[in-house]
Amino acid sequence: MYDNAIVSFRKAIELNPDDEAAHYNLGIVYSKKRMYDEAILEYKKVIESNPNLPDVHYNLGVVYREKGMHLQAKREVSLYKKLNSHK
């Protein structure tokens, strides 16, 4: 199931490397497969192009927590809360 999603999102990114949604969704799939390093890379690509998306920061924080990177996780969750408070 997830493998097909990975192929689809990679193809979308190949066609449009700036596709934030494809990078974000690929990050989610990698997270679900516990491919945390890959998920981090995808979430960071989204943040690089649009740092104001709270859910990306939240998901990145969750991945950092899963990897035991608690300071980074705390930073990302703080950004999530800050961005969410401006909605």
N, C-alpha and C. Protein backbone atom coordinates (compact mmCIF):
# COMPACT_ATOMS: atom_id res chain seq x y z
N MET A 1 0.83 -1.19 0.00
CA MET A 1 0.00 0.00 0.00
C MET A 1 0.87 1.26 0.00
N TYR A 2 1.76 1.38 0.97
CA TYR A 2 2.60 2.57 1.05
C TYR A 2 3.60 2.63 -0.09
N ASP A 3 4.04 1.47 -0.55
CA ASP A 3 5.03 1.46 -1.63
C ASP A 3 4.47 2.10 -2.90
N ASN A 4 3.21 1.84 -3.20
CA ASN A 4 2.58 2.47 -4.36
C ASN A 4 2.49 3.97 -4.19
N ALA A 5 2.19 4.41 -2.97
CA ALA A 5 2.11 5.84 -2.70
C ALA A 5 3.48 6.49 -2.88
N ILE A 6 4.51 5.83 -2.41
CA ILE A 6 5.87 6.36 -2.57
C ILE A 6 6.19 6.54 -4.05
N VAL A 7 5.88 5.54 -4.85
CA VAL A 7 6.14 5.62 -6.30
C VAL A 7 5.36 6.79 -6.90
N SER A 8 4.10 6.93 -6.53
CA SER A 8 3.26 8.00 -7.09
C SER A 8 3.78 9.38 -6.71
N PHE A 9 4.12 9.57 -5.43
CA PHE A 9 4.59 10.89 -5.00
C PHE A 9 5.96 11.21 -5.59
N ARG A 10 6.81 10.21 -5.72
CA ARG A 10 8.12 10.45 -6.35
C ARG A 10 7.95 10.85 -7.81
N LYS A 11 7.00 10.22 -8.49
CA LYS A 11 6.73 10.57 -9.88
C LYS A 11 6.21 12.01 -9.97
N ALA A 12 5.32 12.38 -9.07
CA ALA A 12 4.81 13.75 -9.05
C ALA A 12 5.94 14.75 -8.83
N ILE A 13 6.86 14.42 -7.94
CA ILE A 13 8.00 15.29 -7.65
C ILE A 13 8.94 15.35 -8.85
N GLU A 14 9.09 14.23 -9.54
CA GLU A 14 9.93 14.21 -10.74
C GLU A 14 9.36 15.16 -11.80
N LEU A 15 8.04 15.18 -11.92
CA LEU A 15 7.38 16.06 -12.89
C LEU A 15 7.38 17.51 -12.44
N ASN A 16 7.29 17.72 -11.13
CA ASN A 16 7.27 19.08 -10.57
C ASN A 16 8.02 19.07 -9.24
N PRO A 17 9.31 19.33 -9.27
CA PRO A 17 10.13 19.27 -8.05
C PRO A 17 9.68 20.23 -6.94
N ASP A 18 8.91 21.25 -7.29
CA ASP A 18 8.45 22.23 -6.30
C ASP A 18 7.07 21.92 -5.75
N ASP A 19 6.55 20.75 -6.01
CA ASP A 19 5.21 20.36 -5.56
C ASP A 19 5.21 20.12 -4.05
N GLU A 20 4.80 21.14 -3.29
CA GLU A 20 4.80 21.04 -1.83
C GLU A 20 3.94 19.90 -1.33
N ALA A 21 2.77 19.74 -1.93
CA ALA A 21 1.85 18.69 -1.48
C ALA A 21 2.46 17.31 -1.67
N ALA A 22 3.14 17.10 -2.77
CA ALA A 22 3.77 15.79 -3.01
C ALA A 22 4.88 15.53 -2.00
N HIS A 23 5.70 16.55 -1.72
CA HIS A 23 6.76 16.38 -0.72
C HIS A 23 6.15 16.12 0.66
N TYR A 24 5.11 16.88 1.01
CA TYR A 24 4.46 16.72 2.31
C TYR A 24 3.87 15.31 2.45
N ASN A 25 3.14 14.89 1.44
CA ASN A 25 2.51 13.57 1.51
C ASN A 25 3.53 12.45 1.48
N LEU A 26 4.62 12.64 0.74
CA LEU A 26 5.69 11.65 0.76
C LEU A 26 6.30 11.57 2.16
N GLY A 27 6.44 12.71 2.81
CA GLY A 27 6.92 12.72 4.20
C GLY A 27 6.00 11.94 5.13
N ILE A 28 4.71 12.10 4.93
CA ILE A 28 3.74 11.36 5.75
C ILE A 28 3.90 9.85 5.53
N VAL A 29 4.00 9.45 4.28
CA VAL A 29 4.15 8.02 3.97
C VAL A 29 5.44 7.48 4.58
N TYR A 30 6.53 8.21 4.42
CA TYR A 30 7.79 7.78 5.02
C TYR A 30 7.66 7.67 6.54
N SER A 31 6.96 8.61 7.15
CA SER A 31 6.75 8.56 8.61
C SER A 31 6.00 7.29 9.00
N LYS A 32 4.96 6.98 8.27
CA LYS A 32 4.17 5.79 8.57
C LYS A 32 4.98 4.51 8.41
N LYS A 33 5.94 4.54 7.48
CA LYS A 33 6.81 3.37 7.27
C LYS A 33 8.02 3.39 8.21
N ARG A 34 8.06 4.38 9.08
CA ARG A 34 9.18 4.59 10.02
C ARG A 34 10.51 4.82 9.29
N MET A 35 10.41 5.42 8.14
CA MET A 35 11.59 5.83 7.37
C MET A 35 11.84 7.30 7.73
N TYR A 36 12.28 7.50 8.97
CA TYR A 36 12.30 8.84 9.54
C TYR A 36 13.28 9.79 8.87
N ASP A 37 14.43 9.32 8.49
CA ASP A 37 15.40 10.21 7.83
C ASP A 37 14.83 10.74 6.51
N GLU A 38 14.18 9.87 5.77
CA GLU A 38 13.57 10.28 4.51
C GLU A 38 12.43 11.26 4.76
N ALA A 39 11.63 11.00 5.80
CA ALA A 39 10.52 11.90 6.14
C ALA A 39 11.05 13.29 6.48
N ILE A 40 12.12 13.34 7.27
CA ILE A 40 12.71 14.63 7.64
C ILE A 40 13.11 15.41 6.39
N LEU A 41 13.75 14.74 5.46
CA LEU A 41 14.17 15.42 4.23
C LEU A 41 12.98 16.01 3.47
N GLU A 42 11.91 15.25 3.38
CA GLU A 42 10.73 15.73 2.65
C GLU A 42 10.07 16.89 3.37
N TYR A 43 9.92 16.79 4.68
CA TYR A 43 9.31 17.89 5.43
C TYR A 43 10.17 19.15 5.34
N LYS A 44 11.48 19.00 5.39
CA LYS A 44 12.37 20.16 5.28
C LYS A 44 12.27 20.82 3.91
N LYS A 45 12.04 20.04 2.87
CA LYS A 45 11.86 20.62 1.53
C LYS A 45 10.62 21.50 1.49
N VAL A 46 9.56 21.05 2.15
CA VAL A 46 8.34 21.85 2.20
C VAL A 46 8.59 23.14 2.99
N ILE A 47 9.22 23.01 4.15
CA ILE A 47 9.49 24.17 5.00
C ILE A 47 10.40 25.17 4.29
N GLU A 48 11.33 24.65 3.51
CA GLU A 48 12.24 25.51 2.75
C GLU A 48 11.47 26.42 1.79
N SER A 49 10.44 25.88 1.16
CA SER A 49 9.67 26.68 0.21
C SER A 49 8.52 27.43 0.87
N ASN A 50 8.01 26.92 1.98
CA ASN A 50 6.91 27.58 2.68
C ASN A 50 7.00 27.28 4.18
N PRO A 51 7.69 28.13 4.93
CA PRO A 51 7.89 27.88 6.36
C PRO A 51 6.67 28.14 7.24
N ASN A 52 5.57 28.57 6.64
CA ASN A 52 4.40 28.96 7.43
C ASN A 52 3.27 27.94 7.44
N LEU A 53 3.60 26.69 7.20
CA LEU A 53 2.59 25.62 7.23
C LEU A 53 2.70 24.87 8.55
N PRO A 54 1.78 25.13 9.48
CA PRO A 54 1.91 24.54 10.82
C PRO A 54 1.96 23.02 10.85
N ASP A 55 1.16 22.36 10.02
CA ASP A 55 1.10 20.89 10.08
C ASP A 55 2.42 20.24 9.70
N VAL A 56 3.17 20.88 8.83
CA VAL A 56 4.48 20.34 8.44
C VAL A 56 5.42 20.39 9.65
N HIS A 57 5.39 21.49 10.38
CA HIS A 57 6.23 21.61 11.58
C HIS A 57 5.82 20.57 12.63
N TYR A 58 4.51 20.37 12.78
CA TYR A 58 4.04 19.39 13.74
C TYR A 58 4.53 17.99 13.37
N ASN A 59 4.34 17.61 12.11
CA ASN A 59 4.76 16.27 11.67
C ASN A 59 6.27 16.09 11.79
N LEU A 60 7.02 17.14 11.48
CA LEU A 60 8.47 17.07 11.63
C LEU A 60 8.83 16.89 13.10
N GLY A 61 8.12 17.58 13.98
CA GLY A 61 8.34 17.42 15.41
C GLY A 61 8.08 16.00 15.88
N VAL A 62 7.04 15.39 15.37
CA VAL A 62 6.71 14.00 15.72
C VAL A 62 7.84 13.07 15.28
N VAL A 63 8.33 13.28 14.07
CA VAL A 63 9.42 12.43 13.56
C VAL A 63 10.67 12.61 14.42
N TYR A 64 10.99 13.86 14.74
CA TYR A 64 12.15 14.10 15.60
C TYR A 64 11.98 13.40 16.95
N ARG A 65 10.78 13.46 17.51
CA ARG A 65 10.53 12.78 18.79
C ARG A 65 10.75 11.27 18.65
N GLU A 66 10.26 10.70 17.57
CA GLU A 66 10.43 9.26 17.34
C GLU A 66 11.91 8.88 17.24
N LYS A 67 12.72 9.79 16.74
CA LYS A 67 14.16 9.54 16.61
C LYS A 67 14.92 9.88 17.89
N GLY A 68 14.20 10.37 18.91
CA GLY A 68 14.85 10.73 20.16
C GLY A 68 15.53 12.09 20.11
N MET A 69 15.19 12.89 19.13
CA MET A 69 15.78 14.22 18.96
C MET A 69 14.84 15.25 19.61
N HIS A 70 14.85 15.26 20.93
CA HIS A 70 13.83 15.98 21.69
C HIS A 70 13.93 17.50 21.57
N LEU A 71 15.12 18.05 21.49
CA LEU A 71 15.25 19.50 21.34
C LEU A 71 14.66 19.96 20.01
N GLN A 72 14.98 19.24 18.95
CA GLN A 72 14.44 19.58 17.63
C GLN A 72 12.92 19.40 17.61
N ALA A 73 12.45 18.34 18.27
CA ALA A 73 11.01 18.10 18.33
C ALA A 73 10.31 19.25 19.04
N LYS A 74 10.87 19.68 20.14
CA LYS A 74 10.27 20.78 20.91
C LYS A 74 10.23 22.06 20.08
N ARG A 75 11.31 22.32 19.35
CA ARG A 75 11.37 23.52 18.51
C ARG A 75 10.27 23.49 17.44
N GLU A 76 10.10 22.35 16.80
CA GLU A 76 9.11 22.25 15.73
C GLU A 76 7.68 22.35 16.27
N VAL A 77 7.42 21.74 17.42
CA VAL A 77 6.08 21.83 18.00
C VAL A 77 5.80 23.27 18.45
N SER A 78 6.82 23.97 18.94
CA SER A 78 6.65 25.38 19.29
C SER A 78 6.30 26.21 18.06
N LEU A 79 6.98 25.95 16.96
CA LEU A 79 6.66 26.65 15.71
C LEU A 79 5.23 26.33 15.26
N TYR A 80 4.85 25.08 15.40
CA TYR A 80 3.49 24.67 15.06
C TYR A 80 2.47 25.48 15.87
N LYS A 81 2.69 25.57 17.18
CA LYS A 81 1.76 26.31 18.04
C LYS A 81 1.73 27.78 17.67
N LYS A 82 2.89 28.36 17.42
CA LYS A 82 2.97 29.77 17.06
C LYS A 82 2.21 30.04 15.75
N LEU A 83 2.45 29.21 14.75
CA LEU A 83 1.78 29.40 13.46
C LEU A 83 0.28 29.14 13.56
N ASN A 84 -0.10 28.19 14.38
CA ASN A 84 -1.52 27.87 14.55
C ASN A 84 -2.27 28.97 15.29
N SER A 85 -1.58 29.71 16.13
CA SER A 85 -2.23 30.77 16.90
C SER A 85 -2.57 31.97 16.02
N HIS A 86 -1.98 32.05 14.84
CA HIS A 86 -2.23 33.16 13.93
C HIS A 86 -3.34 32.88 12.93
N LYS A 87 -3.98 31.75 13.04
CA LYS A 87 -5.07 31.41 12.10
C LYS A 87 -6.31 32.21 12.39
